[in-house]
Protein backbone atom coordinates (compact mmCIF):
# COMPACT_ATOMS: atom_id res chain seq x y z
CA MET A 1 6.27 -48.11 -30.40
CA GLY A 2 7.22 -44.74 -31.85
CA LYS A 3 9.46 -42.39 -29.93
CA GLY A 4 7.65 -40.31 -27.29
CA THR A 5 4.49 -42.46 -27.23
CA THR A 6 2.96 -44.93 -24.80
CA ARG A 7 1.24 -48.26 -25.38
CA GLY A 8 -2.06 -48.52 -27.22
CA ASN A 9 -3.96 -45.33 -27.95
CA ARG A 10 -2.48 -43.22 -25.18
CA ALA A 11 -1.37 -39.69 -26.03
CA PRO A 12 2.28 -38.76 -26.66
CA ILE A 13 4.26 -38.04 -23.49
CA ASP A 14 4.83 -34.35 -24.40
CA GLN A 15 1.10 -33.89 -24.95
CA VAL A 16 0.30 -35.54 -21.61
CA ARG A 17 2.77 -33.24 -19.84
CA HIS A 18 1.37 -30.20 -21.67
CA THR A 19 -2.18 -31.14 -20.71
CA ALA A 20 -1.16 -31.73 -17.08
CA ILE A 21 0.35 -28.24 -16.89
CA TYR A 22 -2.76 -26.63 -18.31
CA ASN A 23 -5.01 -28.63 -15.99
CA ALA A 24 -3.12 -27.61 -12.84
CA PRO A 25 -4.15 -24.56 -10.77
CA LEU A 26 -1.92 -21.54 -11.23
CA ARG A 27 0.07 -20.79 -8.10
CA ILE A 28 0.96 -17.15 -7.60
CA LEU A 29 3.41 -15.82 -5.03
CA ILE A 30 2.43 -12.37 -3.78
CA SER A 31 4.52 -10.47 -1.25
CA ALA A 32 3.42 -7.28 0.53
CA GLY A 33 5.16 -5.97 3.62
CA GLU A 34 3.06 -3.16 5.08
CA ALA A 35 -0.49 -1.87 5.40
CA SER A 36 -0.77 -0.07 2.06
CA GLY A 37 0.89 -2.89 0.11
CA GLU A 38 -1.27 -5.43 1.87
CA MET A 39 -4.39 -3.46 0.88
CA TYR A 40 -3.22 -3.29 -2.75
CA GLY A 41 -2.41 -7.00 -2.61
CA ALA A 42 -5.93 -7.90 -1.49
CA GLN A 43 -7.42 -5.77 -4.27
CA LEU A 44 -5.12 -7.35 -6.82
CA ILE A 45 -5.97 -10.91 -5.70
CA GLU A 46 -9.67 -10.18 -6.12
CA ALA A 47 -9.06 -8.59 -9.55
CA LEU A 48 -6.92 -11.53 -10.68
CA ARG A 49 -9.71 -13.93 -9.75
CA ARG A 50 -12.30 -11.90 -11.68
CA VAL A 51 -10.14 -11.65 -14.80
CA ALA A 52 -9.25 -15.36 -14.57
CA GLU A 53 -12.95 -16.28 -14.33
CA LEU A 54 -13.62 -14.31 -17.52
CA ARG A 55 -10.78 -16.09 -19.27
CA SER A 56 -12.03 -19.45 -18.03
CA ALA A 57 -15.48 -18.66 -19.39
CA GLY A 58 -13.96 -17.87 -22.78
CA GLN A 59 -14.94 -14.19 -22.70
CA THR A 60 -11.51 -12.75 -23.45
CA GLY A 61 -10.84 -14.47 -26.75
CA ALA A 62 -8.12 -16.72 -25.35
CA SER A 63 -6.97 -19.32 -27.90
CA ALA A 64 -6.57 -23.06 -27.34
CA PRO A 65 -5.21 -24.94 -25.54
CA THR A 66 -7.53 -24.08 -22.70
CA ARG A 67 -5.74 -23.35 -19.46
CA ASP A 68 -7.17 -24.09 -16.06
CA TRP A 69 -7.56 -20.56 -14.66
CA ARG A 70 -8.04 -21.60 -11.05
CA LEU A 71 -5.67 -19.45 -9.01
CA GLN A 72 -3.95 -20.26 -5.72
CA PHE A 73 -2.16 -17.49 -3.81
CA PHE A 74 0.49 -17.68 -1.11
CA GLY A 75 3.04 -15.26 0.26
CA ALA A 76 3.65 -12.38 2.67
CA GLY A 77 0.64 -10.34 3.77
CA GLY A 78 -1.91 -9.75 6.48
CA GLU A 79 -5.58 -10.00 7.33
CA ARG A 80 -6.87 -8.34 4.15
CA MET A 81 -4.93 -10.64 1.85
CA ALA A 82 -5.95 -13.63 3.95
CA ALA A 83 -9.60 -12.61 3.61
CA ALA A 84 -9.08 -12.40 -0.16
CA GLY A 85 -7.93 -16.03 -0.17
CA CYS A 86 -4.15 -15.84 0.14
CA GLU A 87 -2.28 -18.38 2.26
CA ILE A 88 -0.15 -16.23 4.55
CA VAL A 89 3.34 -17.71 4.90
CA VAL A 90 4.90 -14.55 6.37
CA ASP A 91 2.89 -12.08 8.47
CA ALA A 92 3.24 -8.52 7.14
CA GLN A 93 3.18 -7.14 10.69
CA GLU A 94 6.72 -8.47 11.12
CA LEU A 95 7.94 -6.64 8.02
CA ALA A 96 6.57 -3.17 8.76
CA VAL A 97 9.78 -1.28 9.51
CA VAL A 98 10.73 2.30 8.79
CA GLY A 99 14.02 4.15 8.65
CA ILE A 100 17.60 3.09 8.08
CA THR A 101 18.34 2.39 11.72
CA GLU A 102 15.30 0.16 12.28
CA ILE A 103 15.92 -1.82 9.07
CA VAL A 104 19.47 -2.55 10.23
CA SER A 105 18.32 -3.65 13.69
CA ARG A 106 15.62 -5.91 12.25
CA LEU A 107 17.71 -7.34 9.42
CA PRO A 108 18.33 -10.81 10.98
CA ARG A 109 14.59 -11.33 11.46
CA ILE A 110 13.80 -10.00 7.97
CA LEU A 111 16.32 -12.46 6.49
CA GLU A 112 14.76 -15.32 8.45
CA LEU A 113 11.29 -14.46 7.11
CA TYR A 114 12.63 -14.07 3.59
CA ARG A 115 14.17 -17.56 3.69
CA LYS A 116 10.87 -18.96 4.94
CA LEU A 117 9.03 -17.45 1.98
CA ILE A 118 11.62 -18.71 -0.52
CA ARG A 119 11.32 -22.23 0.92
CA ALA A 120 7.57 -22.01 0.35
CA ALA A 121 8.22 -20.87 -3.22
CA ASP A 122 10.53 -23.84 -3.81
CA GLU A 123 7.81 -26.19 -2.57
CA ARG A 124 4.92 -24.63 -4.50
CA ARG A 125 6.78 -23.55 -7.68
CA PRO A 126 4.69 -20.50 -8.59
CA ALA A 127 3.90 -19.49 -12.17
CA ILE A 128 4.68 -15.87 -11.36
CA ALA A 129 5.83 -13.74 -8.40
CA ILE A 130 4.28 -10.37 -7.58
CA VAL A 131 6.12 -8.15 -5.12
CA ILE A 132 4.49 -5.00 -3.76
CA ASP A 133 6.55 -2.07 -2.43
CA SER A 134 8.62 -2.93 0.74
CA PRO A 135 12.02 -3.03 -1.02
CA ALA A 136 14.01 -4.01 2.08
CA PHE A 137 12.28 -7.39 1.94
CA ASN A 138 11.03 -7.70 -1.61
CA TRP A 139 14.33 -7.15 -3.43
CA ARG A 140 15.55 -10.43 -2.01
CA VAL A 141 12.30 -12.16 -2.93
CA ALA A 142 12.49 -10.79 -6.50
CA ARG A 143 16.12 -11.80 -6.89
CA GLN A 144 15.67 -15.39 -5.71
CA THR A 145 12.45 -16.08 -7.59
CA ARG A 146 13.91 -14.59 -10.79
CA ARG A 147 17.00 -16.80 -10.43
CA ARG A 148 14.63 -19.78 -10.25
CA GLY A 149 13.16 -18.86 -13.61
CA VAL A 150 9.96 -17.36 -12.19
CA PRO A 151 8.74 -14.17 -13.91
CA VAL A 152 8.65 -11.24 -11.49
CA VAL A 153 6.22 -8.31 -11.46
CA TYR A 154 6.90 -5.31 -9.22
CA TYR A 155 3.57 -3.67 -8.38
CA VAL A 156 3.92 -0.29 -6.65
CA CYS A 157 7.61 0.25 -7.29
CA PRO A 158 10.08 1.65 -4.77
CA GLN A 159 10.36 5.42 -4.98
CA PHE A 160 13.83 5.52 -6.51
CA TRP A 161 12.94 8.80 -8.22
CA ALA A 162 13.06 10.32 -4.73
CA TRP A 163 16.41 8.96 -3.64
CA ARG A 164 19.00 6.28 -4.49
CA GLN A 165 18.26 6.50 -8.23
CA GLY A 166 21.18 4.20 -8.98
CA ARG A 167 19.21 1.29 -7.57
CA VAL A 168 16.99 1.31 -10.65
CA ARG A 169 19.51 -1.23 -11.99
CA LEU A 170 17.95 -3.77 -9.61
CA LEU A 171 14.62 -3.37 -11.37
CA ARG A 172 16.29 -3.95 -14.73
CA LYS A 173 18.08 -7.03 -13.46
CA TYR A 174 15.45 -8.85 -11.39
CA VAL A 175 12.05 -7.62 -12.57
CA ASP A 176 10.27 -8.54 -15.81
CA LYS A 177 7.51 -5.94 -15.52
CA ALA A 178 7.02 -2.85 -13.36
CA LEU A 179 3.44 -1.71 -12.75
CA VAL A 180 3.59 1.84 -11.42
CA ILE A 181 0.81 3.81 -9.75
CA PHE A 182 1.92 7.43 -10.06
CA PRO A 183 1.77 9.18 -13.45
CA PHE A 184 5.34 10.48 -13.53
CA GLU A 185 6.88 7.09 -12.68
CA GLU A 186 6.34 5.44 -16.08
CA LYS A 187 8.63 7.85 -17.94
CA PHE A 188 11.20 7.87 -15.13
CA TYR A 189 11.59 4.07 -15.22
CA ARG A 190 11.30 3.67 -19.01
CA ASP A 191 14.01 6.29 -19.54
CA ARG A 192 16.25 4.05 -17.43
CA GLY A 193 15.55 0.82 -19.30
CA VAL A 194 12.76 -0.66 -17.16
CA ASP A 195 9.62 -2.12 -18.78
CA ALA A 196 7.14 0.01 -16.82
CA THR A 197 3.43 0.69 -17.30
CA PHE A 198 1.32 3.22 -15.41
CA VAL A 199 -1.90 1.42 -14.46
CA GLY A 200 -3.38 4.12 -12.23
CA HIS A 201 -3.58 4.25 -8.47
CA PRO A 202 -5.43 1.28 -6.89
CA LEU A 203 -7.43 3.60 -4.64
CA ALA A 204 -8.32 6.22 -7.26
CA ASP A 205 -11.58 4.71 -8.52
CA LEU A 206 -12.91 3.25 -5.30
CA PRO A 207 -16.44 4.40 -4.43
CA ALA A 208 -17.22 6.41 -1.31
CA PRO A 209 -17.62 4.26 1.83
CA ASP A 210 -21.06 2.67 2.21
CA ILE A 211 -21.42 3.52 5.88
CA SER A 212 -23.21 6.81 6.61
CA ARG A 213 -21.89 9.39 9.05
CA GLU A 214 -24.77 8.56 11.44
CA GLN A 215 -24.02 4.83 11.28
CA PHE A 216 -20.32 5.49 11.78
CA ALA A 217 -21.09 7.67 14.81
CA VAL A 218 -23.21 4.95 16.41
CA GLN A 219 -20.61 2.26 15.71
CA TYR A 220 -17.76 4.19 17.34
CA GLY A 221 -19.58 6.25 19.96
CA LEU A 222 -19.02 9.61 18.25
CA ASP A 223 -21.13 12.75 18.47
CA VAL A 224 -22.58 13.36 15.02
CA GLU A 225 -23.06 17.06 15.81
CA LYS A 226 -19.32 17.69 16.33
CA HIS A 227 -16.56 18.05 13.77
CA TRP A 228 -14.32 15.00 13.65
CA ILE A 229 -10.61 15.09 12.88
CA ALA A 230 -8.82 11.98 11.60
CA ILE A 231 -5.42 11.34 13.15
CA MET A 232 -3.14 8.87 11.36
CA PRO A 233 0.30 8.47 12.99
CA GLY A 234 1.47 5.72 10.61
CA SER A 235 1.16 2.06 9.72
CA ARG A 236 4.43 0.86 11.27
CA ARG A 237 5.17 0.63 14.96
CA LYS A 238 8.23 2.84 15.02
CA GLU A 239 6.68 5.69 13.02
CA PHE A 240 3.48 5.38 15.06
CA ARG A 241 5.47 5.78 18.29
CA LEU A 242 7.52 8.66 16.90
CA ASN A 243 4.54 10.59 15.48
CA LEU A 244 1.83 9.92 18.08
CA PRO A 245 3.03 12.02 21.08
CA THR A 246 3.16 15.31 19.16
CA ILE A 247 -0.18 14.56 17.48
CA ILE A 248 -1.73 13.91 20.92
CA ASP A 249 -0.32 17.21 22.19
CA ALA A 250 -2.09 18.87 19.25
CA VAL A 251 -5.30 16.99 20.10
CA ARG A 252 -5.16 18.45 23.63
CA LEU A 253 -4.69 21.96 22.23
CA LEU A 254 -7.53 21.60 19.72
CA GLY A 255 -9.74 20.64 22.63
CA LYS A 256 -13.14 19.16 23.28
CA ASP A 257 -14.93 21.11 20.58
CA PHE A 258 -13.74 18.31 18.30
CA GLN A 259 -13.71 14.53 18.41
CA PHE A 260 -10.99 12.42 16.86
CA VAL A 261 -10.87 9.16 14.93
CA LEU A 262 -7.71 7.08 14.72
CA PRO A 263 -7.93 4.30 12.11
CA VAL A 264 -5.51 1.52 13.07
CA ALA A 265 -3.62 0.08 10.10
CA SER A 266 -3.99 -3.62 9.31
CA THR A 267 -0.29 -4.11 10.11
CA LEU A 268 -0.86 -2.94 13.69
CA ASP A 269 -2.71 -4.56 16.56
CA SER A 270 -5.62 -2.54 17.95
CA LYS A 271 -4.72 -3.35 21.56
CA TRP A 272 -1.14 -2.22 20.95
CA ALA A 273 -2.41 1.07 19.48
CA HIS A 274 -4.72 1.54 22.49
CA ASP A 275 -1.75 0.95 24.80
CA GLN A 276 0.21 3.64 22.96
CA LEU A 277 -2.59 6.12 23.60
CA PHE A 278 -2.53 5.18 27.29
CA LEU A 279 1.24 5.67 27.41
CA SER A 280 0.88 9.10 25.79
CA SER A 281 -1.45 10.08 28.61
CA HIS A 282 0.65 8.41 31.33
CA VAL A 283 4.00 9.88 30.22
CA ALA A 284 2.53 13.39 29.98
CA ARG A 285 0.85 12.86 33.38
CA LYS A 286 -2.37 14.33 32.08
CA LYS A 287 -5.42 13.00 30.32
CA ILE A 288 -5.70 13.30 26.57
CA GLY A 289 -8.99 15.15 27.04
CA PRO A 290 -10.93 15.00 23.76
CA PHE A 291 -12.55 11.71 22.80
CA ILE A 292 -10.54 9.49 20.43
CA ALA A 293 -12.24 6.56 18.67
CA LEU A 294 -10.05 3.74 17.35
CA THR A 295 -11.38 2.31 14.09
CA ARG A 296 -10.28 -0.19 11.45
CA ASP A 297 -11.63 1.73 8.47
CA ALA A 298 -9.26 4.44 7.21
CA ARG A 299 -11.34 5.45 4.21
CA ALA A 300 -14.58 5.93 6.19
CA SER A 301 -12.68 7.68 8.99
CA LEU A 302 -11.25 10.17 6.50
CA TYR A 303 -14.44 10.53 4.47
CA HIS A 304 -16.53 11.50 7.48
CA SER A 305 -13.89 13.75 9.09
CA ARG A 306 -13.75 17.50 8.66
CA ALA A 307 -9.96 17.43 8.45
CA GLY A 308 -6.98 15.16 9.04
CA ILE A 309 -3.56 15.08 10.67
CA VAL A 310 -1.82 12.47 8.54
CA ALA A 311 1.65 10.93 8.58
CA SER A 312 3.52 10.95 5.28
CA GLY A 313 2.82 7.88 3.18
CA THR A 314 -0.10 6.17 1.47
CA ALA A 315 -2.51 7.62 4.03
CA THR A 316 -1.94 11.06 2.48
CA VAL A 317 -3.10 9.68 -0.88
CA GLU A 318 -6.14 8.11 0.82
CA ALA A 319 -7.01 11.48 2.35
CA ALA A 320 -6.70 13.18 -1.04
CA LEU A 321 -8.91 10.57 -2.69
CA MET A 322 -11.55 10.99 0.01
CA GLY A 323 -11.43 14.77 -0.54
CA THR A 324 -10.51 15.44 3.09
CA PRO A 325 -8.31 18.50 3.76
CA PHE A 326 -5.33 17.57 5.92
CA VAL A 327 -1.97 18.50 7.35
CA MET A 328 0.94 16.18 6.61
CA VAL A 329 3.31 15.37 9.48
CA TYR A 330 6.34 13.15 9.83
CA ARG A 331 9.28 12.39 12.05
CA VAL A 332 12.06 9.83 11.85
CA SER A 333 15.01 9.29 14.17
CA PRO A 334 17.67 12.04 14.00
CA LEU A 335 20.20 9.55 12.59
CA THR A 336 17.84 8.35 9.85
CA TYR A 337 17.06 11.96 8.91
CA ALA A 338 20.73 12.96 8.86
CA LEU A 339 21.65 10.00 6.66
CA GLY A 340 18.65 10.28 4.35
CA LYS A 341 18.20 14.02 3.83
CA PRO A 342 21.24 14.56 1.53
CA ARG A 343 20.03 11.71 -0.72
CA VAL A 344 16.50 13.06 -1.20
CA LYS A 345 16.10 14.46 -4.71
CA ILE A 346 12.53 15.80 -4.59
CA PRO A 347 11.08 19.19 -3.59
CA TYR A 348 8.23 17.81 -1.43
CA PHE A 349 7.65 15.01 1.04
CA ALA A 350 3.88 14.62 0.60
CA MET A 351 2.89 12.57 -2.42
CA VAL A 352 -0.07 14.82 -3.21
CA ASN A 353 2.31 17.79 -3.47
CA LEU A 354 4.64 15.86 -5.76
CA ILE A 355 1.79 14.86 -8.05
CA ALA A 356 0.40 18.40 -8.13
CA GLY A 357 3.82 20.01 -8.56
CA GLN A 358 2.97 22.53 -5.85
CA GLU A 359 2.21 22.68 -2.14
CA VAL A 360 -1.38 21.53 -1.81
CA VAL A 361 -1.06 20.50 1.85
CA PRO A 362 1.33 21.86 4.49
CA GLU A 363 4.29 19.64 5.37
CA LEU A 364 5.40 19.53 9.01
CA VAL A 365 8.56 17.43 9.07
CA GLN A 366 11.11 16.97 11.89
CA GLN A 367 11.62 20.36 13.62
CA LYS A 368 8.51 21.87 12.01
CA PHE A 369 6.44 19.00 13.39
CA THR A 370 5.18 20.62 16.60
CA ALA A 371 1.77 20.62 18.27
CA GLU A 372 1.48 24.37 17.85
CA ASN A 373 2.17 24.19 14.11
CA ILE A 374 -0.36 21.37 13.70
CA VAL A 375 -3.04 23.43 15.42
CA THR A 376 -2.26 26.54 13.38
CA GLU A 377 -2.45 24.70 10.05
CA THR A 378 -5.46 22.56 10.98
CA LYS A 379 -7.53 25.55 12.07
CA LYS A 380 -7.02 27.10 8.63
CA ILE A 381 -8.80 24.22 6.85
CA ILE A 382 -11.61 23.39 9.30
CA PRO A 383 -13.90 26.41 8.72
CA ASP A 384 -15.51 27.09 5.36
CA GLY A 385 -13.48 29.64 3.45
CA GLU A 386 -10.83 30.18 0.81
CA ALA A 387 -8.12 27.97 2.36
CA ARG A 388 -10.43 24.97 2.72
CA SER A 389 -12.03 25.40 -0.72
CA ARG A 390 -8.67 25.79 -2.43
CA MET A 391 -7.28 22.62 -0.83
CA ILE A 392 -10.38 20.56 -1.70
CA GLU A 393 -10.18 21.74 -5.32
CA ARG A 394 -6.50 20.84 -5.62
CA LEU A 395 -7.01 17.45 -3.97
CA ALA A 396 -9.71 16.73 -6.57
CA ALA A 397 -7.20 17.55 -9.33
CA VAL A 398 -4.71 15.09 -7.79
CA LYS A 399 -7.40 12.39 -7.74
CA ALA A 400 -8.14 13.00 -11.43
CA ARG A 401 -4.45 12.58 -12.33
CA LEU A 402 -4.19 9.31 -10.40
CA SER A 403 -7.07 7.83 -12.43
CA LEU A 404 -5.56 8.57 -15.85
CA GLY A 405 -3.71 5.29 -16.38
CA SER A 406 -6.69 2.96 -16.05
CA GLY A 407 -8.36 3.86 -19.36
CA GLY A 408 -11.80 3.20 -17.93
CA THR A 409 -10.69 0.00 -16.21
CA HIS A 410 -10.03 -0.11 -12.47
CA PRO A 411 -6.26 0.03 -11.89
CA SER A 412 -6.26 -3.35 -10.12
CA GLU A 413 -8.14 -4.91 -13.05
CA ARG A 414 -5.65 -3.40 -15.49
CA ALA A 415 -2.75 -4.76 -13.47
CA ALA A 416 -4.43 -8.18 -13.32
CA GLU A 417 -4.89 -8.28 -17.10
CA ILE A 418 -1.20 -7.51 -17.67
CA ILE A 419 -0.09 -10.13 -15.12
CA LEU A 420 -2.29 -12.93 -16.47
CA LYS A 421 -1.22 -12.14 -20.03
CA MET A 422 2.36 -12.79 -18.93
CA ILE A 423 1.51 -16.37 -17.91
CA SER A 424 -1.18 -17.28 -20.47
């Protein structure tokens, strides 16, 4: 027998191994640690499946040998990623932390979950690892998977342009490709030696919610004749608890002429959020007053609301993309603020203001975050007039900028094409 062959007419060993690899499903590790990342992860999983189906059908001009484009996903995520077909090894609800002090206090548990995910990666041997935001957890995932020879894609990169710019070296060291979602990020990372591509924001090209205002009102017991105001205290427990009491004080001051919708993030439990509302009433020893409907649909809640009171983060981008005027609020612990403020290298906190290069929405942070200030700013954008029209126009301009990187393709589809090309 010749070297590398088997008996009879059987194929050479190398060819058999090559064929076995191409006939095996592609396993993909995907790790998202909070509500926004989990939403992007679900979108990306669905886009990866669509692009893979096209490749499998031979519609993308892929050359032989033919790869089996069946995809299997596992990793860290929540209910949206599970619904998209991802096996959840680590629940994203346990990773949703905010602030320096909370990260330190939760570090032992975060390390335990990280080790659990890496063990799963060792067992399943993924073809590629995709980490989404959540640097406190995902840096470790990226480092360990990269050391195992697994290509790493960082989708929705940490905002090192805002603070701790020296940590860009971690991207250079542990990440093969950075897929960024804000237009100014591509140049920032490329100038610092990172292979980065702006793909557009995953939410920028989504259609308006299907549910009508009347249907939404029936579903959540709202009065269709009243103005609704969306209140979004945050997607993580600590920020929710820190932001909610002042927002509820503002709700009381705004009064019963309005009704309020509070979309609960996928990383939070609805019963827990309801309990927080009860505590806000109990601690203040007075009823909240105006009606508050808890929902699970942030986009529809924003789309059908006259205005919003929105905690800093991805929710502010969602509000901009829905064209809903809003006031941005935020509070962290005094220690976190004292430690973080000197390191912040940007003129604005709200992402929409950063993208626009000017103050599109008011920012009420720390001491400025009071019920009275919320009411003053909110009442400026509820009635028709110059203030409301100007904000809506500028939010539309922000939306247009976030769509630029897709080149006619949905940002998630563009990201999926780049990722699958890396493993084809």
